[in-house]
C-alpha atoms as a PDB file:
ATOM      1  CA  MET A   1     -50.688 -25.070   0.185  1.00  0.00           C
ATOM      2  CA  ILE A   2     -49.126 -22.625   2.607  1.00  0.00           C
ATOM      3  CA  PRO A   3     -50.897 -22.864   5.981  1.00  0.00           C
ATOM      4  CA  ARG A   4     -53.527 -20.192   6.539  1.00  0.00           C
ATOM      5  CA  VAL A   5     -51.823 -18.923   9.717  1.00  0.00           C
ATOM      6  CA  ILE A   6     -48.625 -18.215   7.751  1.00  0.00           C
ATOM      7  CA  LEU A   7     -50.581 -16.391   5.044  1.00  0.00           C
ATOM      8  CA  LYS A   8     -52.299 -14.252   7.693  1.00  0.00           C
ATOM      9  CA  ALA A   9     -48.919 -13.533   9.318  1.00  0.00           C
ATOM     10  CA  ILE A  10     -47.539 -12.402   5.945  1.00  0.00           C
ATOM     11  CA  GLU A  11     -50.594 -10.188   5.446  1.00  0.00           C
ATOM     12  CA  TRP A  12     -50.011  -8.530   8.834  1.00  0.00           C
ATOM     13  CA  LEU A  13     -46.308  -8.182   8.093  1.00  0.00           C
ATOM     14  CA  LEU A  14     -47.210  -6.368   4.878  1.00  0.00           C
ATOM     15  CA  VAL A  15     -49.554  -4.031   6.746  1.00  0.00           C
ATOM     16  CA  ILE A  16     -46.870  -3.234   9.331  1.00  0.00           C
ATOM     17  CA  LEU A  17     -44.156  -2.744   6.695  1.00  0.00           C
ATOM     18  CA  LEU A  18     -46.366  -0.482   4.592  1.00  0.00           C
ATOM     19  CA  GLY A  19     -47.239   1.588   7.660  1.00  0.00           C
ATOM     20  CA  LEU A  20     -43.573   1.861   8.588  1.00  0.00           C
ATOM     21  CA  MET A  21     -42.641   2.889   5.065  1.00  0.00           C
ATOM     22  CA  VAL A  22     -45.353   5.566   4.998  1.00  0.00           C
ATOM     23  CA  VAL A  23     -44.190   6.956   8.357  1.00  0.00           C
ATOM     24  CA  LEU A  24     -40.551   6.993   7.237  1.00  0.00           C
ATOM     25  CA  VAL A  25     -41.181   8.674   3.897  1.00  0.00           C
ATOM     26  CA  PHE A  26     -43.829  11.148   5.102  1.00  0.00           C
ATOM     27  CA  GLY A  27     -41.834  11.937   8.240  1.00  0.00           C
ATOM     28  CA  ASN A  28     -38.733  12.576   6.185  1.00  0.00           C
ATOM     29  CA  VAL A  29     -40.649  14.890   3.815  1.00  0.00           C
ATOM     30  CA  VAL A  30     -42.051  16.861   6.750  1.00  0.00           C
ATOM     31  CA  LEU A  31     -38.633  17.082   8.405  1.00  0.00           C
ATOM     32  CA  ARG A  32     -36.973  18.281   5.199  1.00  0.00           C
ATOM     33  CA  TYR A  33     -39.509  20.943   4.289  1.00  0.00           C
ATOM     34  CA  ALA A  34     -40.534  22.120   7.741  1.00  0.00           C
ATOM     35  CA  PHE A  35     -37.287  21.826   9.703  1.00  0.00           C
ATOM     36  CA  ASN A  36     -34.610  21.653   6.989  1.00  0.00           C
ATOM     37  CA  SER A  37     -33.344  18.334   8.347  1.00  0.00           C
ATOM     38  CA  GLY A  38     -34.191  14.699   7.776  1.00  0.00           C
ATOM     39  CA  LEU A  39     -33.640  11.088   8.666  1.00  0.00           C
ATOM     40  CA  VAL A  40     -30.527   9.905   6.896  1.00  0.00           C
ATOM     41  CA  PHE A  41     -31.572   6.248   6.925  1.00  0.00           C
ATOM     42  CA  SER A  42     -35.147   6.835   5.731  1.00  0.00           C
ATOM     43  CA  GLU A  43     -34.561   6.454   1.991  1.00  0.00           C
ATOM     44  CA  GLU A  44     -32.434   3.333   2.322  1.00  0.00           C
ATOM     45  CA  VAL A  45     -34.767   1.579   4.766  1.00  0.00           C
ATOM     46  CA  SER A  46     -37.813   2.541   2.670  1.00  0.00           C
ATOM     47  CA  ARG A  47     -36.190   0.991  -0.403  1.00  0.00           C
ATOM     48  CA  PHE A  48     -35.514  -2.241   1.484  1.00  0.00           C
ATOM     49  CA  ILE A  49     -39.049  -2.316   2.881  1.00  0.00           C
ATOM     50  CA  PHE A  50     -40.428  -1.777  -0.620  1.00  0.00           C
ATOM     51  CA  MET A  51     -38.505  -4.827  -1.855  1.00  0.00           C
ATOM     52  CA  TRP A  52     -39.990  -6.954   0.930  1.00  0.00           C
ATOM     53  CA  LEU A  53     -43.485  -5.566   0.295  1.00  0.00           C
ATOM     54  CA  THR A  54     -43.322  -6.338  -3.403  1.00  0.00           C
ATOM     55  CA  LEU A  55     -41.964  -9.856  -3.063  1.00  0.00           C
ATOM     56  CA  MET A  56     -44.112 -10.935  -0.112  1.00  0.00           C
ATOM     57  CA  GLY A  57     -47.120  -9.501  -1.962  1.00  0.00           C
ATOM     58  CA  ALA A  58     -46.200 -11.604  -4.987  1.00  0.00           C
ATOM     59  CA  LEU A  59     -46.036 -14.682  -2.755  1.00  0.00           C
ATOM     60  CA  LEU A  60     -49.487 -13.941  -1.326  1.00  0.00           C
ATOM     61  CA  THR A  61     -50.835 -13.366  -4.823  1.00  0.00           C
ATOM     62  CA  MET A  62     -49.506 -16.757  -5.896  1.00  0.00           C
ATOM     63  CA  ALA A  63     -50.911 -18.465  -2.796  1.00  0.00           C
ATOM     64  CA  TYR A  64     -54.344 -16.905  -3.406  1.00  0.00           C
ATOM     65  CA  ARG A  65     -54.094 -17.760  -7.122  1.00  0.00           C
ATOM     66  CA  SER A  66     -54.671 -14.159  -8.127  1.00  0.00           C
ATOM     67  CA  HIS A  67     -51.874 -13.616 -10.638  1.00  0.00           C
ATOM     68  CA  LEU A  68     -52.908 -12.498 -14.070  1.00  0.00           C
ATOM     69  CA  GLY A  69     -53.558 -15.312 -16.487  1.00  0.00           C
ATOM     70  CA  MET A  70     -54.809 -15.977 -19.971  1.00  0.00           C
ATOM     71  CA  ASN A  71     -58.301 -16.885 -18.820  1.00  0.00           C
ATOM     72  CA  SER A  72     -60.045 -16.514 -22.173  1.00  0.00           C
ATOM     73  CA  LEU A  73     -57.602 -18.825 -23.931  1.00  0.00           C
ATOM     74  CA  ILE A  74     -57.664 -21.471 -21.210  1.00  0.00           C
ATOM     75  CA  ALA A  75     -61.443 -21.356 -20.834  1.00  0.00           C
ATOM     76  CA  ALA A  76     -61.897 -21.837 -24.586  1.00  0.00           C
ATOM     77  CA  VAL A  77     -60.211 -25.252 -24.742  1.00  0.00           C
ATOM     78  CA  PRO A  78     -61.556 -28.606 -23.506  1.00  0.00           C
ATOM     79  CA  VAL A  79     -60.771 -29.733 -19.945  1.00  0.00           C
ATOM     80  CA  PRO A  80     -58.005 -32.216 -20.920  1.00  0.00           C
ATOM     81  CA  TRP A  81     -56.157 -29.394 -22.690  1.00  0.00           C
ATOM     82  CA  ARG A  82     -56.702 -27.139 -19.689  1.00  0.00           C
ATOM     83  CA  ARG A  83     -55.095 -29.760 -17.489  1.00  0.00           C
ATOM     84  CA  LEU A  84     -52.128 -30.063 -19.846  1.00  0.00           C
ATOM     85  CA  MET A  85     -51.723 -26.276 -20.084  1.00  0.00           C
ATOM     86  CA  ARG A  86     -51.961 -25.825 -16.309  1.00  0.00           C
ATOM     87  CA  PHE A  87     -49.515 -28.654 -15.611  1.00  0.00           C
ATOM     88  CA  THR A  88     -47.024 -27.349 -18.181  1.00  0.00           C
ATOM     89  CA  SER A  89     -47.357 -23.791 -16.903  1.00  0.00           C
ATOM     90  CA  ASP A  90     -46.902 -24.841 -13.262  1.00  0.00           C
ATOM     91  CA  LEU A  91     -43.899 -26.992 -14.156  1.00  0.00           C
ATOM     92  CA  ILE A  92     -42.196 -24.139 -16.039  1.00  0.00           C
ATOM     93  CA  MET A  93     -42.910 -21.703 -13.193  1.00  0.00           C
ATOM     94  CA  LEU A  94     -41.543 -24.222 -10.683  1.00  0.00           C
ATOM     95  CA  GLY A  95     -38.332 -24.446 -12.699  1.00  0.00           C
ATOM     96  CA  CYS A  96     -38.069 -20.644 -12.725  1.00  0.00           C
ATOM     97  CA  CYS A  97     -38.725 -20.407  -8.980  1.00  0.00           C
ATOM     98  CA  LEU A  98     -36.146 -23.060  -8.129  1.00  0.00           C
ATOM     99  CA  THR A  99     -33.570 -21.445 -10.410  1.00  0.00           C
ATOM    100  CA  MET A 100     -34.303 -18.079  -8.804  1.00  0.00           C
ATOM    101  CA  ALA A 101     -34.062 -19.611  -5.313  1.00  0.00           C
ATOM    102  CA  TRP A 102     -30.701 -21.206  -6.080  1.00  0.00           C
ATOM    103  CA  GLY A 103     -29.265 -18.002  -7.573  1.00  0.00           C
ATOM    104  CA  THR A 104     -30.615 -15.939  -4.704  1.00  0.00           C
ATOM    105  CA  TRP A 105     -29.190 -18.343  -2.132  1.00  0.00           C
ATOM    106  CA  VAL A 106     -25.742 -17.915  -3.714  1.00  0.00           C
ATOM    107  CA  GLN A 107     -26.208 -14.130  -3.738  1.00  0.00           C
ATOM    108  CA  VAL A 108     -27.430 -14.054  -0.115  1.00  0.00           C
ATOM    109  CA  LYS A 109     -24.361 -15.972   1.063  1.00  0.00           C
ATOM    110  CA  LEU A 110     -22.056 -13.621  -0.813  1.00  0.00           C
ATOM    111  CA  ALA A 111     -23.872 -10.472   0.307  1.00  0.00           C
ATOM    112  CA  MET A 112     -23.911 -11.243   4.038  1.00  0.00           C
ATOM    113  CA  VAL A 113     -20.483  -9.618   4.334  1.00  0.00           C
ATOM    114  CA  ASP A 114     -21.580  -6.571   2.309  1.00  0.00           C
ATOM    115  CA  HIS A 115     -23.399  -3.919   4.326  1.00  0.00           C
ATOM    116  CA  ALA A 116     -25.720  -1.096   3.316  1.00  0.00           C
ATOM    117  CA  PRO A 117     -23.848   2.208   3.350  1.00  0.00           C
ATOM    118  CA  VAL A 118     -26.105   4.127   5.729  1.00  0.00           C
ATOM    119  CA  THR A 119     -27.774   1.580   8.015  1.00  0.00           C
ATOM    120  CA  GLY A 120     -25.127  -1.125   7.984  1.00  0.00           C
ATOM    121  CA  ILE A 121     -27.760  -3.822   7.369  1.00  0.00           C
ATOM    122  CA  PRO A 122     -26.203  -6.907   5.741  1.00  0.00           C
ATOM    123  CA  MET A 123     -27.338  -6.917   2.114  1.00  0.00           C
ATOM    124  CA  GLY A 124     -27.887 -10.654   2.363  1.00  0.00           C
ATOM    125  CA  LEU A 125     -30.838  -9.949   4.662  1.00  0.00           C
ATOM    126  CA  VAL A 126     -32.291  -7.577   2.098  1.00  0.00           C
ATOM    127  CA  PHE A 127     -31.843 -10.092  -0.733  1.00  0.00           C
ATOM    128  CA  SER A 128     -33.352 -12.884   1.343  1.00  0.00           C
ATOM    129  CA  SER A 129     -36.798 -11.492   0.509  1.00  0.00           C
ATOM    130  CA  LEU A 130     -36.407 -12.946  -2.989  1.00  0.00           C
ATOM    131  CA  LEU A 131     -35.240 -16.252  -1.545  1.00  0.00           C
ATOM    132  CA  ILE A 132     -38.299 -16.506   0.720  1.00  0.00           C
ATOM    133  CA  CYS A 133     -40.605 -15.448  -2.099  1.00  0.00           C
ATOM    134  CA  SER A 134     -39.217 -17.929  -4.625  1.00  0.00           C
ATOM    135  CA  LEU A 135     -39.232 -20.825  -2.136  1.00  0.00           C
ATOM    136  CA  GLY A 136     -42.782 -19.987  -1.060  1.00  0.00           C
ATOM    137  CA  MET A 137     -43.946 -19.861  -4.667  1.00  0.00           C
ATOM    138  CA  ALA A 138     -42.175 -23.148  -5.372  1.00  0.00           C
ATOM    139  CA  TRP A 139     -44.015 -24.687  -2.408  1.00  0.00           C
ATOM    140  CA  VAL A 140     -47.378 -23.514  -3.786  1.00  0.00           C
ATOM    141  CA  LEU A 141     -46.513 -24.823  -7.249  1.00  0.00           C
ATOM    142  CA  LEU A 142     -45.341 -28.193  -5.898  1.00  0.00           C
ATOM    143  CA  HIS A 143     -48.595 -28.535  -3.991  1.00  0.00           C
ATOM    144  CA  ASP A 144     -50.608 -27.712  -7.109  1.00  0.00           C
ATOM    145  CA  LEU A 145     -48.580 -30.113  -9.256  1.00  0.00           C
ATOM    146  CA  TRP A 146     -49.088 -32.869  -6.683  1.00  0.00           C
ATOM    147  CA  ARG A 147     -52.836 -32.206  -6.708  1.00  0.00           C
ATOM    148  CA  GLN A 148     -52.862 -32.350 -10.494  1.00  0.00           C
ATOM    149  CA  VAL A 149     -50.893 -35.607 -10.682  1.00  0.00           C
ATOM    150  CA  THR A 150     -53.057 -37.293  -8.049  1.00  0.00           C
ATOM    151  CA  GLY A 151     -56.286 -36.067  -9.679  1.00  0.00           C
ATOM    152  CA  ARG A 152     -57.308 -33.927  -6.704  1.00  0.00           C
ATOM    153  CA  MET A 153     -57.530 -30.651  -8.625  1.00  0.00           C
ATOM    154  CA  PRO A 154     -61.049 -30.090  -9.944  1.00  0.00           C
ATOM    155  CA  ALA A 155     -61.574 -28.646 -13.425  1.00  0.00           C
ATOM    156  CA  SER A 156     -62.950 -25.450 -11.862  1.00  0.00           C
ATOM    157  CA  GLU A 157     -59.466 -24.595 -10.524  1.00  0.00           C
ATOM    158  CA  LEU A 158     -57.722 -24.944 -13.865  1.00  0.00           C
ATOM    159  CA  VAL A 159     -58.729 -21.464 -15.031  1.00  0.00           C
ATOM    160  CA  PRO A 160     -57.319 -18.501 -13.044  1.00  0.00           C
ATOM    161  CA  ASN A 161     -59.920 -16.877 -10.828  1.00  0.00           C
ATOM    162  CA  ASN A 162     -59.629 -13.238 -11.978  1.00  0.00           C
ATOM    163  CA  GLY A 163     -58.251 -12.035  -8.646  1.00  0.00           C
ATOM    164  CA  GLU A 164     -60.940 -13.426  -6.377  1.00  0.00           C
ATOM    165  CA  VAL A 165     -59.469 -14.575  -3.072  1.00  0.00           C
ATOM    166  CA  THR A 166     -60.144 -18.254  -2.461  1.00  0.00           C
ATOM    167  CA  GLU A 167     -60.049 -20.074   0.836  1.00  0.00           C
END
């Protein structure tokens, strides 16, 4: 599992980024309508912040086991089948995350020389949000798979928790 201090840091990062995005967008709206001017970089930076918000939020959702799942189907089968379904699901998701991480790593390396038109931010930095997200999700999935293989995952954790945050 991702250490609690890192999860809290990501939560605070999300709060700060959302606040910054609100200030940029609202400030730009006020400047355009009230003063007939605006911040040229506001739209571009807001778009980049939104990417980071979405992907870091997805990582937190995975770490807190709050993604949507097929709870009714999983809960209806016996525990051995639940274990098999959870293991298979986690293994497939791990494959997807690792594939996404590899592809993103290649894209990040290529995009470090490409810069955003207004701010000049290297696009590799923008795309690295997907790399961090996919590696973080892979870490969570590896931890869960290890717990399943070693028998340390109780049957109560096999069914998704309907969005309740767990410690």
